[in-house]
Amino acid sequence: QVQLVESGGGLVQPGGSLRLSCARSGNTGKIISMAWYRQAPGKQRELVATKSASGATNYADSAKGRFTISRDNAKNTVYLQMNSLKPEDTAVYYCNAREYTDTYYWGQGTQVTVSS
């Protein structure tokens, strides 16, 4: 079992920045990739960024050039640095862990609101 806890969300003005954190605990040895998703009211959940165990990263087109996914293995934490935020980035952001058995784990989410 893997536990994920997101933090770092909040209210920010357009053009501002936030860094989200995802603290991992439990049996994390079989995780092969981490990801950040987001879901806005009335919209389906969408993938924002992924990072594999090898360090390779992928980003949604909407996030490229603005968002960066990273990890600190010593702290067992994954981050999402978000710069140049736009109102359309407003959503609940979820941390996701994938094991090689295709088991997925989710955090409870953290709210990001971009508004003037």
PDB file of N, CA and C in Angstrom:
ATOM      1  N   GLN A   1       0.833  -1.184   0.000  1.00  0.00           N
ATOM      2  CA  GLN A   1       0.000   0.000   0.000  1.00  0.00           C
ATOM      3  C   GLN A   1       0.878   1.248   0.000  1.00  0.00           C
ATOM      4  N   VAL A   2       0.459   2.243  -0.779  1.00  0.00           N
ATOM      5  CA  VAL A   2       1.155   3.512  -0.895  1.00  0.00           C
ATOM      6  C   VAL A   2       0.209   4.618  -0.471  1.00  0.00           C
ATOM      7  N   GLN A   3       0.732   5.572   0.290  1.00  0.00           N
ATOM      8  CA  GLN A   3      -0.039   6.742   0.683  1.00  0.00           C
ATOM      9  C   GLN A   3       0.579   7.990   0.059  1.00  0.00           C
ATOM     10  N   LEU A   4      -0.270   8.870  -0.454  1.00  0.00           N
ATOM     11  CA  LEU A   4       0.159  10.103  -1.086  1.00  0.00           C
ATOM     12  C   LEU A   4      -0.591  11.266  -0.457  1.00  0.00           C
ATOM     13  N   VAL A   5       0.130  12.322  -0.106  1.00  0.00           N
ATOM     14  CA  VAL A   5      -0.478  13.503   0.483  1.00  0.00           C
ATOM     15  C   VAL A   5       0.021  14.730  -0.254  1.00  0.00           C
ATOM     16  N   GLU A   6      -0.899  15.444  -0.910  1.00  0.00           N
ATOM     17  CA  GLU A   6      -0.549  16.662  -1.633  1.00  0.00           C
ATOM     18  C   GLU A   6      -0.652  17.874  -0.719  1.00  0.00           C
ATOM     19  N   SER A   7       0.149  18.889  -1.028  1.00  0.00           N
ATOM     20  CA  SER A   7       0.084  20.156  -0.326  1.00  0.00           C
ATOM     21  C   SER A   7       0.641  21.249  -1.231  1.00  0.00           C
ATOM     22  N   GLY A   8       0.443  22.500  -0.843  1.00  0.00           N
ATOM     23  CA  GLY A   8       1.020  23.623  -1.564  1.00  0.00           C
ATOM     24  C   GLY A   8       0.051  24.409  -2.415  1.00  0.00           C
ATOM     25  N   GLY A   9      -1.181  23.965  -2.518  1.00  0.00           N
ATOM     26  CA  GLY A   9      -2.158  24.694  -3.298  1.00  0.00           C
ATOM     27  C   GLY A   9      -2.589  25.971  -2.603  1.00  0.00           C
ATOM     28  N   GLY A  10      -3.330  26.800  -3.336  1.00  0.00           N
ATOM     29  CA  GLY A  10      -3.806  28.045  -2.778  1.00  0.00           C
ATOM     30  C   GLY A  10      -4.297  28.979  -3.855  1.00  0.00           C
ATOM     31  N   LEU A  11      -4.482  30.233  -3.478  1.00  0.00           N
ATOM     32  CA  LEU A  11      -4.948  31.276  -4.383  1.00  0.00           C
ATOM     33  C   LEU A  11      -3.762  32.091  -4.868  1.00  0.00           C
ATOM     34  N   VAL A  12      -3.671  32.274  -6.178  1.00  0.00           N
ATOM     35  CA  VAL A  12      -2.570  33.021  -6.759  1.00  0.00           C
ATOM     36  C   VAL A  12      -3.098  33.852  -7.924  1.00  0.00           C
ATOM     37  N   GLN A  13      -2.480  34.999  -8.165  1.00  0.00           N
ATOM     38  CA  GLN A  13      -2.878  35.853  -9.277  1.00  0.00           C
ATOM     39  C   GLN A  13      -2.321  35.330 -10.595  1.00  0.00           C
ATOM     40  N   PRO A  14      -2.978  35.641 -11.706  1.00  0.00           N
ATOM     41  CA  PRO A  14      -2.424  35.253 -13.002  1.00  0.00           C
ATOM     42  C   PRO A  14      -0.985  35.735 -13.155  1.00  0.00           C
ATOM     43  N   GLY A  15      -0.138  34.865 -13.689  1.00  0.00           N
ATOM     44  CA  GLY A  15       1.275  35.162 -13.826  1.00  0.00           C
ATOM     45  C   GLY A  15       2.111  34.746 -12.638  1.00  0.00           C
ATOM     46  N   GLY A  16       1.474  34.359 -11.552  1.00  0.00           N
ATOM     47  CA  GLY A  16       2.181  33.948 -10.357  1.00  0.00           C
ATOM     48  C   GLY A  16       2.654  32.510 -10.421  1.00  0.00           C
ATOM     49  N   SER A  17       3.242  32.056  -9.314  1.00  0.00           N
ATOM     50  CA  SER A  17       3.821  30.716  -9.242  1.00  0.00           C
ATOM     51  C   SER A  17       3.399  30.002  -7.969  1.00  0.00           C
ATOM     52  N   LEU A  18       3.358  28.685  -8.041  1.00  0.00           N
ATOM     53  CA  LEU A  18       3.131  27.816  -6.899  1.00  0.00           C
ATOM     54  C   LEU A  18       3.976  26.567  -7.061  1.00  0.00           C
ATOM     55  N   ARG A  19       4.357  25.965  -5.947  1.00  0.00           N
ATOM     56  CA  ARG A  19       5.008  24.669  -5.967  1.00  0.00           C
ATOM     57  C   ARG A  19       4.181  23.693  -5.152  1.00  0.00           C
ATOM     58  N   LEU A  20       3.685  22.655  -5.812  1.00  0.00           N
ATOM     59  CA  LEU A  20       2.936  21.613  -5.150  1.00  0.00           C
ATOM     60  C   LEU A  20       3.873  20.501  -4.703  1.00  0.00           C
ATOM     61  N   SER A  21       3.548  19.878  -3.569  1.00  0.00           N
ATOM     62  CA  SER A  21       4.337  18.780  -3.040  1.00  0.00           C
ATOM     63  C   SER A  21       3.473  17.539  -2.897  1.00  0.00           C
ATOM     64  N   CYS A  22       4.072  16.386  -3.109  1.00  0.00           N
ATOM     65  CA  CYS A  22       3.409  15.099  -2.931  1.00  0.00           C
ATOM     66  C   CYS A  22       4.311  14.232  -2.072  1.00  0.00           C
ATOM     67  N   ALA A  23       3.942  14.058  -0.817  1.00  0.00           N
ATOM     68  CA  ALA A  23       4.714  13.237   0.109  1.00  0.00           C
ATOM     69  C   ALA A  23       4.280  11.783  -0.007  1.00  0.00           C
ATOM     70  N   ARG A  24       5.248  10.890  -0.212  1.00  0.00           N
ATOM     71  CA  ARG A  24       4.966   9.468  -0.380  1.00  0.00           C
ATOM     72  C   ARG A  24       5.372   8.689   0.862  1.00  0.00           C
ATOM     73  N   SER A  25       4.581   7.673   1.200  1.00  0.00           N
ATOM     74  CA  SER A  25       4.903   6.803   2.312  1.00  0.00           C
ATOM     75  C   SER A  25       4.338   5.420   2.039  1.00  0.00           C
ATOM     76  N   GLY A  26       4.646   4.477   2.912  1.00  0.00           N
ATOM     77  CA  GLY A  26       4.214   3.110   2.730  1.00  0.00           C
ATOM     78  C   GLY A  26       5.211   2.329   1.898  1.00  0.00           C
ATOM     79  N   ASN A  27       4.715   1.342   1.167  1.00  0.00           N
ATOM     80  CA  ASN A  27       5.550   0.463   0.357  1.00  0.00           C
ATOM     81  C   ASN A  27       5.740   1.074  -1.027  1.00  0.00           C
ATOM     82  N   THR A  28       6.738   1.943  -1.158  1.00  0.00           N
ATOM     83  CA  THR A  28       6.953   2.700  -2.391  1.00  0.00           C
ATOM     84  C   THR A  28       7.968   2.061  -3.333  1.00  0.00           C
ATOM     85  N   GLY A  29       8.512   0.901  -2.999  1.00  0.00           N
ATOM     86  CA  GLY A  29       9.583   0.300  -3.773  1.00  0.00           C
ATOM     87  C   GLY A  29       9.200  -0.172  -5.161  1.00  0.00           C
ATOM     88  N   LYS A  30       7.925  -0.392  -5.425  1.00  0.00           N
ATOM     89  CA  LYS A  30       7.487  -0.904  -6.720  1.00  0.00           C
ATOM     90  C   LYS A  30       6.944   0.183  -7.642  1.00  0.00           C
ATOM     91  N   ILE A  31       7.055   1.430  -7.248  1.00  0.00           N
ATOM     92  CA  ILE A  31       6.558   2.529  -8.082  1.00  0.00           C
ATOM     93  C   ILE A  31       7.471   2.722  -9.284  1.00  0.00           C
ATOM     94  N   ILE A  32       6.888   2.773 -10.473  1.00  0.00           N
ATOM     95  CA  ILE A  32       7.670   2.965 -11.688  1.00  0.00           C
ATOM     96  C   ILE A  32       7.504   4.363 -12.287  1.00  0.00           C
ATOM     97  N   SER A  33       6.470   5.077 -11.880  1.00  0.00           N
ATOM     98  CA  SER A  33       6.304   6.431 -12.367  1.00  0.00           C
ATOM     99  C   SER A  33       5.401   7.219 -11.435  1.00  0.00           C
ATOM    100  N   MET A  34       5.596   8.537 -11.437  1.00  0.00           N
ATOM    101  CA  MET A  34       4.755   9.466 -10.700  1.00  0.00           C
ATOM    102  C   MET A  34       4.141  10.439 -11.681  1.00  0.00           C
ATOM    103  N   ALA A  35       2.988  10.965 -11.323  1.00  0.00           N
ATOM    104  CA  ALA A  35       2.308  11.891 -12.212  1.00  0.00           C
ATOM    105  C   ALA A  35       1.488  12.893 -11.420  1.00  0.00           C
ATOM    106  N   TRP A  36       1.222  14.004 -12.062  1.00  0.00           N
ATOM    107  CA  TRP A  36       0.281  14.993 -11.562  1.00  0.00           C
ATOM    108  C   TRP A  36      -0.882  15.091 -12.540  1.00  0.00           C
ATOM    109  N   TYR A  37      -2.089  15.027 -12.006  1.00  0.00           N
ATOM    110  CA  TYR A  37      -3.313  15.232 -12.762  1.00  0.00           C
ATOM    111  C   TYR A  37      -4.048  16.432 -12.196  1.00  0.00           C
ATOM    112  N   ARG A  38      -5.009  16.928 -12.949  1.00  0.00           N
ATOM    113  CA  ARG A  38      -5.863  17.984 -12.429  1.00  0.00           C
ATOM    114  C   ARG A  38      -7.280  17.801 -12.960  1.00  0.00           C
ATOM    115  N   GLN A  39      -8.236  18.318 -12.196  1.00  0.00           N
ATOM    116  CA  GLN A  39      -9.626  18.242 -12.596  1.00  0.00           C
ATOM    117  C   GLN A  39     -10.352  19.508 -12.165  1.00  0.00           C
ATOM    118  N   ALA A  40     -10.922  20.197 -13.132  1.00  0.00           N
ATOM    119  CA  ALA A  40     -11.720  21.382 -12.873  1.00  0.00           C
ATOM    120  C   ALA A  40     -13.194  20.999 -12.819  1.00  0.00           C
ATOM    121  N   PRO A  41     -14.026  21.780 -12.113  1.00  0.00           N
ATOM    122  CA  PRO A  41     -15.458  21.469 -12.051  1.00  0.00           C
ATOM    123  C   PRO A  41     -16.077  21.366 -13.442  1.00  0.00           C
ATOM    124  N   GLY A  42     -16.834  20.301 -13.670  1.00  0.00           N
ATOM    125  CA  GLY A  42     -17.489  20.104 -14.945  1.00  0.00           C
ATOM    126  C   GLY A  42     -16.603  19.590 -16.054  1.00  0.00           C
ATOM    127  N   LYS A  43     -15.350  19.313 -15.770  1.00  0.00           N
ATOM    128  CA  LYS A  43     -14.417  18.818 -16.769  1.00  0.00           C
ATOM    129  C   LYS A  43     -13.833  17.483 -16.323  1.00  0.00           C
ATOM    130  N   GLN A  44     -13.370  16.706 -17.291  1.00  0.00           N
ATOM    131  CA  GLN A  44     -12.758  15.429 -16.964  1.00  0.00           C
ATOM    132  C   GLN A  44     -11.326  15.628 -16.472  1.00  0.00           C
ATOM    133  N   ARG A  45     -10.857  14.665 -15.714  1.00  0.00           N
ATOM    134  CA  ARG A  45      -9.497  14.706 -15.209  1.00  0.00           C
ATOM    135  C   ARG A  45      -8.498  14.633 -16.356  1.00  0.00           C
ATOM    136  N   GLU A  46      -7.444  15.434 -16.285  1.00  0.00           N
ATOM    137  CA  GLU A  46      -6.441  15.443 -17.332  1.00  0.00           C
ATOM    138  C   GLU A  46      -5.047  15.282 -16.746  1.00  0.00           C
ATOM    139  N   LEU A  47      -4.199  14.632 -17.514  1.00  0.00           N
ATOM    140  CA  LEU A  47      -2.810  14.435 -17.127  1.00  0.00           C
ATOM    141  C   LEU A  47      -2.028  15.718 -17.361  1.00  0.00           C
ATOM    142  N   VAL A  48      -1.235  16.118 -16.376  1.00  0.00           N
ATOM    143  CA  VAL A  48      -0.435  17.329 -16.467  1.00  0.00           C
ATOM    144  C   VAL A  48       1.034  17.013 -16.725  1.00  0.00           C
ATOM    145  N   ALA A  49       1.612  16.097 -15.945  1.00  0.00           N
ATOM    146  CA  ALA A  49       3.030  15.789 -16.059  1.00  0.00           C
ATOM    147  C   ALA A  49       3.312  14.413 -15.485  1.00  0.00           C
ATOM    148  N   THR A  50       4.335  13.736 -16.019  1.00  0.00           N
ATOM    149  CA  THR A  50       4.772  12.446 -15.506  1.00  0.00           C
ATOM    150  C   THR A  50       6.284  12.437 -15.353  1.00  0.00           C
ATOM    151  N   LYS A  51       6.758  11.589 -14.445  1.00  0.00           N
ATOM    152  CA  LYS A  51       8.188  11.375 -14.257  1.00  0.00           C
ATOM    153  C   LYS A  51       8.412   9.908 -13.941  1.00  0.00           C
ATOM    154  N   SER A  52       9.207   9.234 -14.772  1.00  0.00           N
ATOM    155  CA  SER A  52       9.471   7.816 -14.598  1.00  0.00           C
ATOM    156  C   SER A  52      10.592   7.599 -13.592  1.00  0.00           C
ATOM    157  N   ALA A  53      10.780   6.335 -13.203  1.00  0.00           N
ATOM    158  CA  ALA A  53      11.857   5.994 -12.282  1.00  0.00           C
ATOM    159  C   ALA A  53      13.226   6.317 -12.862  1.00  0.00           C
ATOM    160  N   SER A  54      13.348   6.300 -14.189  1.00  0.00           N
ATOM    161  CA  SER A  54      14.602   6.627 -14.845  1.00  0.00           C
ATOM    162  C   SER A  54      14.867   8.123 -14.891  1.00  0.00           C
ATOM    163  N   GLY A  55      13.857   8.920 -14.568  1.00  0.00           N
ATOM    164  CA  GLY A  55      13.993  10.357 -14.590  1.00  0.00           C
ATOM    165  C   GLY A  55      13.375  11.042 -15.792  1.00  0.00           C
ATOM    166  N   ALA A  56      12.918  10.272 -16.772  1.00  0.00           N
ATOM    167  CA  ALA A  56      12.306  10.856 -17.959  1.00  0.00           C
ATOM    168  C   ALA A  56      11.007  11.563 -17.597  1.00  0.00           C
ATOM    169  N   THR A  57      10.764  12.696 -18.234  1.00  0.00           N
ATOM    170  CA  THR A  57       9.571  13.487 -17.953  1.00  0.00           C
ATOM    171  C   THR A  57       8.752  13.700 -19.219  1.00  0.00           C
ATOM    172  N   ASN A  58       7.452  13.873 -19.021  1.00  0.00           N
ATOM    173  CA  ASN A  58       6.537  14.224 -20.097  1.00  0.00           C
ATOM    174  C   ASN A  58       5.541  15.236 -19.566  1.00  0.00           C
ATOM    175  N   TYR A  59       5.091  16.124 -20.456  1.00  0.00           N
ATOM    176  CA  TYR A  59       4.175  17.175 -20.067  1.00  0.00           C
ATOM    177  C   TYR A  59       3.038  17.291 -21.064  1.00  0.00           C
ATOM    178  N   ALA A  60       1.869  17.661 -20.554  1.00  0.00           N
ATOM    179  CA  ALA A  60       0.780  18.036 -21.430  1.00  0.00           C
ATOM    180  C   ALA A  60       1.166  19.306 -22.179  1.00  0.00           C
ATOM    181  N   ASP A  61       0.611  19.481 -23.368  1.00  0.00           N
ATOM    182  CA  ASP A  61       0.929  20.668 -24.152  1.00  0.00           C
ATOM    183  C   ASP A  61       0.645  21.949 -23.378  1.00  0.00           C
ATOM    184  N   SER A  62      -0.408  21.940 -22.581  1.00  0.00           N
ATOM    185  CA  SER A  62      -0.781  23.120 -21.819  1.00  0.00           C
ATOM    186  C   SER A  62       0.223  23.457 -20.723  1.00  0.00           C
ATOM    187  N   ALA A  63       1.046  22.485 -20.336  1.00  0.00           N
ATOM    188  CA  ALA A  63       1.998  22.679 -19.247  1.00  0.00           C
ATOM    189  C   ALA A  63       3.428  22.911 -19.718  1.00  0.00           C
ATOM    190  N   LYS A  64       3.739  22.545 -20.944  1.00  0.00           N
ATOM    191  CA  LYS A  64       5.102  22.663 -21.449  1.00  0.00           C
ATOM    192  C   LYS A  64       5.596  24.100 -21.389  1.00  0.00           C
ATOM    193  N   GLY A  65       6.805  24.249 -20.868  1.00  0.00           N
ATOM    194  CA  GLY A  65       7.404  25.565 -20.762  1.00  0.00           C
ATOM    195  C   GLY A  65       7.015  26.336 -19.527  1.00  0.00           C
ATOM    196  N   ARG A  66       6.015  25.863 -18.789  1.00  0.00           N
ATOM    197  CA  ARG A  66       5.552  26.553 -17.587  1.00  0.00           C
ATOM    198  C   ARG A  66       5.666  25.704 -16.323  1.00  0.00           C
ATOM    199  N   PHE A  67       5.449  24.402 -16.450  1.00  0.00           N
ATOM    200  CA  PHE A  67       5.445  23.496 -15.296  1.00  0.00           C
ATOM    201  C   PHE A  67       6.669  22.590 -15.335  1.00  0.00           C
ATOM    202  N   THR A  68       7.150  22.200 -14.155  1.00  0.00           N
ATOM    203  CA  THR A  68       8.268  21.274 -14.041  1.00  0.00           C
ATOM    204  C   THR A  68       7.983  20.259 -12.946  1.00  0.00           C
ATOM    205  N   ILE A  69       8.069  18.971 -13.278  1.00  0.00           N
ATOM    206  CA  ILE A  69       7.926  17.917 -12.286  1.00  0.00           C
ATOM    207  C   ILE A  69       9.318  17.471 -11.856  1.00  0.00           C
ATOM    208  N   SER A  70       9.511  17.283 -10.560  1.00  0.00           N
ATOM    209  CA  SER A  70      10.802  16.874 -10.029  1.00  0.00           C
ATOM    210  C   SER A  70      10.587  16.013  -8.795  1.00  0.00           C
ATOM    211  N   ARG A  71      11.658  15.431  -8.286  1.00  0.00           N
ATOM    212  CA  ARG A  71      11.553  14.609  -7.087  1.00  0.00           C
ATOM    213  C   ARG A  71      12.792  14.753  -6.219  1.00  0.00           C
ATOM    214  N   ASP A  72      12.592  14.514  -4.928  1.00  0.00           N
ATOM    215  CA  ASP A  72      13.663  14.460  -3.952  1.00  0.00           C
ATOM    216  C   ASP A  72      13.546  13.093  -3.293  1.00  0.00           C
ATOM    217  N   ASN A  73      14.379  12.152  -3.711  1.00  0.00           N
ATOM    218  CA  ASN A  73      14.273  10.788  -3.209  1.00  0.00           C
ATOM    219  C   ASN A  73      14.554  10.692  -1.715  1.00  0.00           C
ATOM    220  N   ALA A  74      15.452  11.530  -1.207  1.00  0.00           N
ATOM    221  CA  ALA A  74      15.768  11.514   0.212  1.00  0.00           C
ATOM    222  C   ALA A  74      14.554  11.875   1.055  1.00  0.00           C
ATOM    223  N   LYS A  75      13.720  12.768   0.541  1.00  0.00           N
ATOM    224  CA  LYS A  75      12.513  13.187   1.250  1.00  0.00           C
ATOM    225  C   LYS A  75      11.286  12.403   0.816  1.00  0.00           C
ATOM    226  N   ASN A  76      11.450  11.526  -0.182  1.00  0.00           N
ATOM    227  CA  ASN A  76      10.336  10.755  -0.724  1.00  0.00           C
ATOM    228  C   ASN A  76       9.186  11.680  -1.130  1.00  0.00           C
ATOM    229  N   THR A  77       9.539  12.722  -1.854  1.00  0.00           N
ATOM    230  CA  THR A  77       8.583  13.746  -2.230  1.00  0.00           C
ATOM    231  C   THR A  77       8.728  14.091  -3.706  1.00  0.00           C
ATOM    232  N   VAL A  78       7.601  14.271  -4.372  1.00  0.00           N
ATOM    233  CA  VAL A  78       7.542  14.712  -5.762  1.00  0.00           C
ATOM    234  C   VAL A  78       6.946  16.108  -5.787  1.00  0.00           C
ATOM    235  N   TYR A  79       7.456  16.952  -6.676  1.00  0.00           N
ATOM    236  CA  TYR A  79       7.027  18.337  -6.744  1.00  0.00           C
ATOM    237  C   TYR A  79       6.483  18.672  -8.126  1.00  0.00           C
ATOM    238  N   LEU A  80       5.638  19.681  -8.159  1.00  0.00           N
ATOM    239  CA  LEU A  80       5.216  20.282  -9.409  1.00  0.00           C
ATOM    240  C   LEU A  80       5.382  21.787  -9.266  1.00  0.00           C
ATOM    241  N   GLN A  81       6.402  22.331  -9.928  1.00  0.00           N
ATOM    242  CA  GLN A  81       6.616  23.769  -9.951  1.00  0.00           C
ATOM    243  C   GLN A  81       5.782  24.357 -11.074  1.00  0.00           C
ATOM    244  N   MET A  82       4.924  25.306 -10.750  1.00  0.00           N
ATOM    245  CA  MET A  82       4.023  25.911 -11.715  1.00  0.00           C
ATOM    246  C   MET A  82       4.320  27.404 -11.802  1.00  0.00           C
ATOM    247  N   ASN A  83       4.719  27.844 -12.980  1.00  0.00           N
ATOM    248  CA  ASN A  83       5.020  29.245 -13.230  1.00  0.00           C
ATOM    249  C   ASN A  83       4.068  29.805 -14.279  1.00  0.00           C
ATOM    250  N   SER A  84       4.006  31.118 -14.348  1.00  0.00           N
ATOM    251  CA  SER A  84       3.164  31.806 -15.329  1.00  0.00           C
ATOM    252  C   SER A  84       1.750  31.257 -15.326  1.00  0.00           C
ATOM    253  N   LEU A  85       1.169  31.159 -14.145  1.00  0.00           N
ATOM    254  CA  LEU A  85      -0.144  30.543 -14.001  1.00  0.00           C
ATOM    255  C   LEU A  85      -1.237  31.358 -14.679  1.00  0.00           C
ATOM    256  N   LYS A  86      -2.199  30.634 -15.228  1.00  0.00           N
ATOM    257  CA  LYS A  86      -3.333  31.218 -15.933  1.00  0.00           C
ATOM    258  C   LYS A  86      -4.632  30.806 -15.255  1.00  0.00           C
ATOM    259  N   PRO A  87      -5.708  31.577 -15.429  1.00  0.00           N
ATOM    260  CA  PRO A  87      -6.991  31.180 -14.841  1.00  0.00           C
ATOM    261  C   PRO A  87      -7.427  29.772 -15.233  1.00  0.00           C
ATOM    262  N   GLU A  88      -7.107  29.342 -16.446  1.00  0.00           N
ATOM    263  CA  GLU A  88      -7.487  28.011 -16.877  1.00  0.00           C
ATOM    264  C   GLU A  88      -6.713  26.898 -16.177  1.00  0.00           C
ATOM    265  N   ASP A  89      -5.704  27.250 -15.383  1.00  0.00           N
ATOM    266  CA  ASP A  89      -5.003  26.266 -14.563  1.00  0.00           C
ATOM    267  C   ASP A  89      -5.761  25.948 -13.282  1.00  0.00           C
ATOM    268  N   THR A  90      -6.814  26.690 -12.990  1.00  0.00           N
ATOM    269  CA  THR A  90      -7.603  26.463 -11.784  1.00  0.00           C
ATOM    270  C   THR A  90      -8.198  25.062 -11.791  1.00  0.00           C
ATOM    271  N   ALA A  91      -7.916  24.287 -10.748  1.00  0.00           N
ATOM    272  CA  ALA A  91      -8.380  22.909 -10.662  1.00  0.00           C
ATOM    273  C   ALA A  91      -7.928  22.319  -9.336  1.00  0.00           C
ATOM    274  N   VAL A  92      -8.433  21.130  -9.035  1.00  0.00           N
ATOM    275  CA  VAL A  92      -7.875  20.316  -7.966  1.00  0.00           C
ATOM    276  C   VAL A  92      -6.765  19.482  -8.583  1.00  0.00           C
ATOM    277  N   TYR A  93      -5.583  19.544  -7.996  1.00  0.00           N
ATOM    278  CA  TYR A  93      -4.430  18.824  -8.508  1.00  0.00           C
ATOM    279  C   TYR A  93      -4.192  17.576  -7.669  1.00  0.00           C
ATOM    280  N   TYR A  94      -4.032  16.444  -8.356  1.00  0.00           N
ATOM    281  CA  TYR A  94      -3.877  15.147  -7.707  1.00  0.00           C
ATOM    282  C   TYR A  94      -2.528  14.527  -8.036  1.00  0.00           C
ATOM    283  N   CYS A  95      -1.894  13.970  -7.033  1.00  0.00           N
ATOM    284  CA  CYS A  95      -0.683  13.194  -7.202  1.00  0.00           C
ATOM    285  C   CYS A  95      -1.056  11.743  -7.471  1.00  0.00           C
ATOM    286  N   ASN A  96      -0.317  11.084  -8.366  1.00  0.00           N
ATOM    287  CA  ASN A  96      -0.590   9.704  -8.738  1.00  0.00           C
ATOM    288  C   ASN A  96       0.702   8.906  -8.770  1.00  0.00           C
ATOM    289  N   ALA A  97       0.640   7.683  -8.253  1.00  0.00           N
ATOM    290  CA  ALA A  97       1.767   6.754  -8.307  1.00  0.00           C
ATOM    291  C   ALA A  97       1.333   5.490  -9.032  1.00  0.00           C
ATOM    292  N   ARG A  98       2.191   4.995  -9.917  1.00  0.00           N
ATOM    293  CA  ARG A  98       1.908   3.777 -10.669  1.00  0.00           C
ATOM    294  C   ARG A  98       2.954   2.723 -10.349  1.00  0.00           C
ATOM    295  N   GLU A  99       2.498   1.511 -10.024  1.00  0.00           N
ATOM    296  CA  GLU A  99       3.373   0.376  -9.836  1.00  0.00           C
ATOM    297  C   GLU A  99       3.435  -0.452 -11.117  1.00  0.00           C
ATOM    298  N   TYR A 100       4.458  -1.309 -11.226  1.00  0.00           N
ATOM    299  CA  TYR A 100       4.617  -2.091 -12.450  1.00  0.00           C
ATOM    300  C   TYR A 100       3.505  -3.115 -12.648  1.00  0.00           C
ATOM    301  N   THR A 101       2.737  -3.387 -11.602  1.00  0.00           N
ATOM    302  CA  THR A 101       1.576  -4.264 -11.703  1.00  0.00           C
ATOM    303  C   THR A 101       0.338  -3.527 -12.218  1.00  0.00           C
ATOM    304  N   ASP A 102       0.484  -2.272 -12.609  1.00  0.00           N
ATOM    305  CA  ASP A 102      -0.609  -1.413 -13.048  1.00  0.00           C
ATOM    306  C   ASP A 102      -1.594  -1.130 -11.924  1.00  0.00           C
ATOM    307  N   THR A 103      -1.077  -1.061 -10.701  1.00  0.00           N
ATOM    308  CA  THR A 103      -1.832  -0.567  -9.563  1.00  0.00           C
ATOM    309  C   THR A 103      -1.570   0.927  -9.427  1.00  0.00           C
ATOM    310  N   TYR A 104      -2.618   1.693  -9.222  1.00  0.00           N
ATOM    311  CA  TYR A 104      -2.510   3.142  -9.116  1.00  0.00           C
ATOM    312  C   TYR A 104      -2.947   3.614  -7.739  1.00  0.00           C
ATOM    313  N   TYR A 105      -2.265   4.637  -7.236  1.00  0.00           N
ATOM    314  CA  TYR A 105      -2.591   5.251  -5.960  1.00  0.00           C
ATOM    315  C   TYR A 105      -2.796   6.740  -6.164  1.00  0.00           C
ATOM    316  N   TRP A 106      -3.726   7.300  -5.403  1.00  0.00           N
ATOM    317  CA  TRP A 106      -4.082   8.709  -5.532  1.00  0.00           C
ATOM    318  C   TRP A 106      -4.069   9.411  -4.187  1.00  0.00           C
ATOM    319  N   GLY A 107      -3.656  10.667  -4.201  1.00  0.00           N
ATOM    320  CA  GLY A 107      -3.814  11.512  -3.034  1.00  0.00           C
ATOM    321  C   GLY A 107      -5.203  12.121  -3.000  1.00  0.00           C
ATOM    322  N   GLN A 108      -5.460  12.940  -1.976  1.00  0.00           N
ATOM    323  CA  GLN A 108      -6.768  13.562  -1.824  1.00  0.00           C
ATOM    324  C   GLN A 108      -6.924  14.838  -2.639  1.00  0.00           C
ATOM    325  N   GLY A 109      -5.835  15.372  -3.143  1.00  0.00           N
ATOM    326  CA  GLY A 109      -5.885  16.547  -3.982  1.00  0.00           C
ATOM    327  C   GLY A 109      -5.635  17.835  -3.220  1.00  0.00           C
ATOM    328  N   THR A 110      -5.174  18.843  -3.948  1.00  0.00           N
ATOM    329  CA  THR A 110      -4.973  20.170  -3.388  1.00  0.00           C
ATOM    330  C   THR A 110      -5.505  21.199  -4.383  1.00  0.00           C
ATOM    331  N   GLN A 111      -6.254  22.170  -3.878  1.00  0.00           N
ATOM    332  CA  GLN A 111      -6.925  23.145  -4.735  1.00  0.00           C
ATOM    333  C   GLN A 111      -5.967  24.245  -5.167  1.00  0.00           C
ATOM    334  N   VAL A 112      -5.945  24.513  -6.459  1.00  0.00           N
ATOM    335  CA  VAL A 112      -5.209  25.643  -7.023  1.00  0.00           C
ATOM    336  C   VAL A 112      -6.212  26.569  -7.691  1.00  0.00           C
ATOM    337  N   THR A 113      -6.233  27.822  -7.275  1.00  0.00           N
ATOM    338  CA  THR A 113      -7.133  28.811  -7.850  1.00  0.00           C
ATOM    339  C   THR A 113      -6.314  29.981  -8.369  1.00  0.00           C
ATOM    340  N   VAL A 114      -6.453  30.269  -9.651  1.00  0.00           N
ATOM    341  CA  VAL A 114      -5.740  31.372 -10.291  1.00  0.00           C
ATOM    342  C   VAL A 114      -6.772  32.424 -10.663  1.00  0.00           C
ATOM    343  N   SER A 115      -6.732  33.545  -9.985  1.00  0.00           N
ATOM    344  CA  SER A 115      -7.750  34.576 -10.183  1.00  0.00           C
ATOM    345  C   SER A 115      -7.214  35.928  -9.751  1.00  0.00           C
ATOM    346  N   SER A 116      -7.665  36.966 -10.441  1.00  0.00           N
ATOM    347  CA  SER A 116      -7.328  38.330 -10.065  1.00  0.00           C
ATOM    348  C   SER A 116      -8.406  38.949  -9.195  1.00  0.00           C
TER     349      SER A 116
END
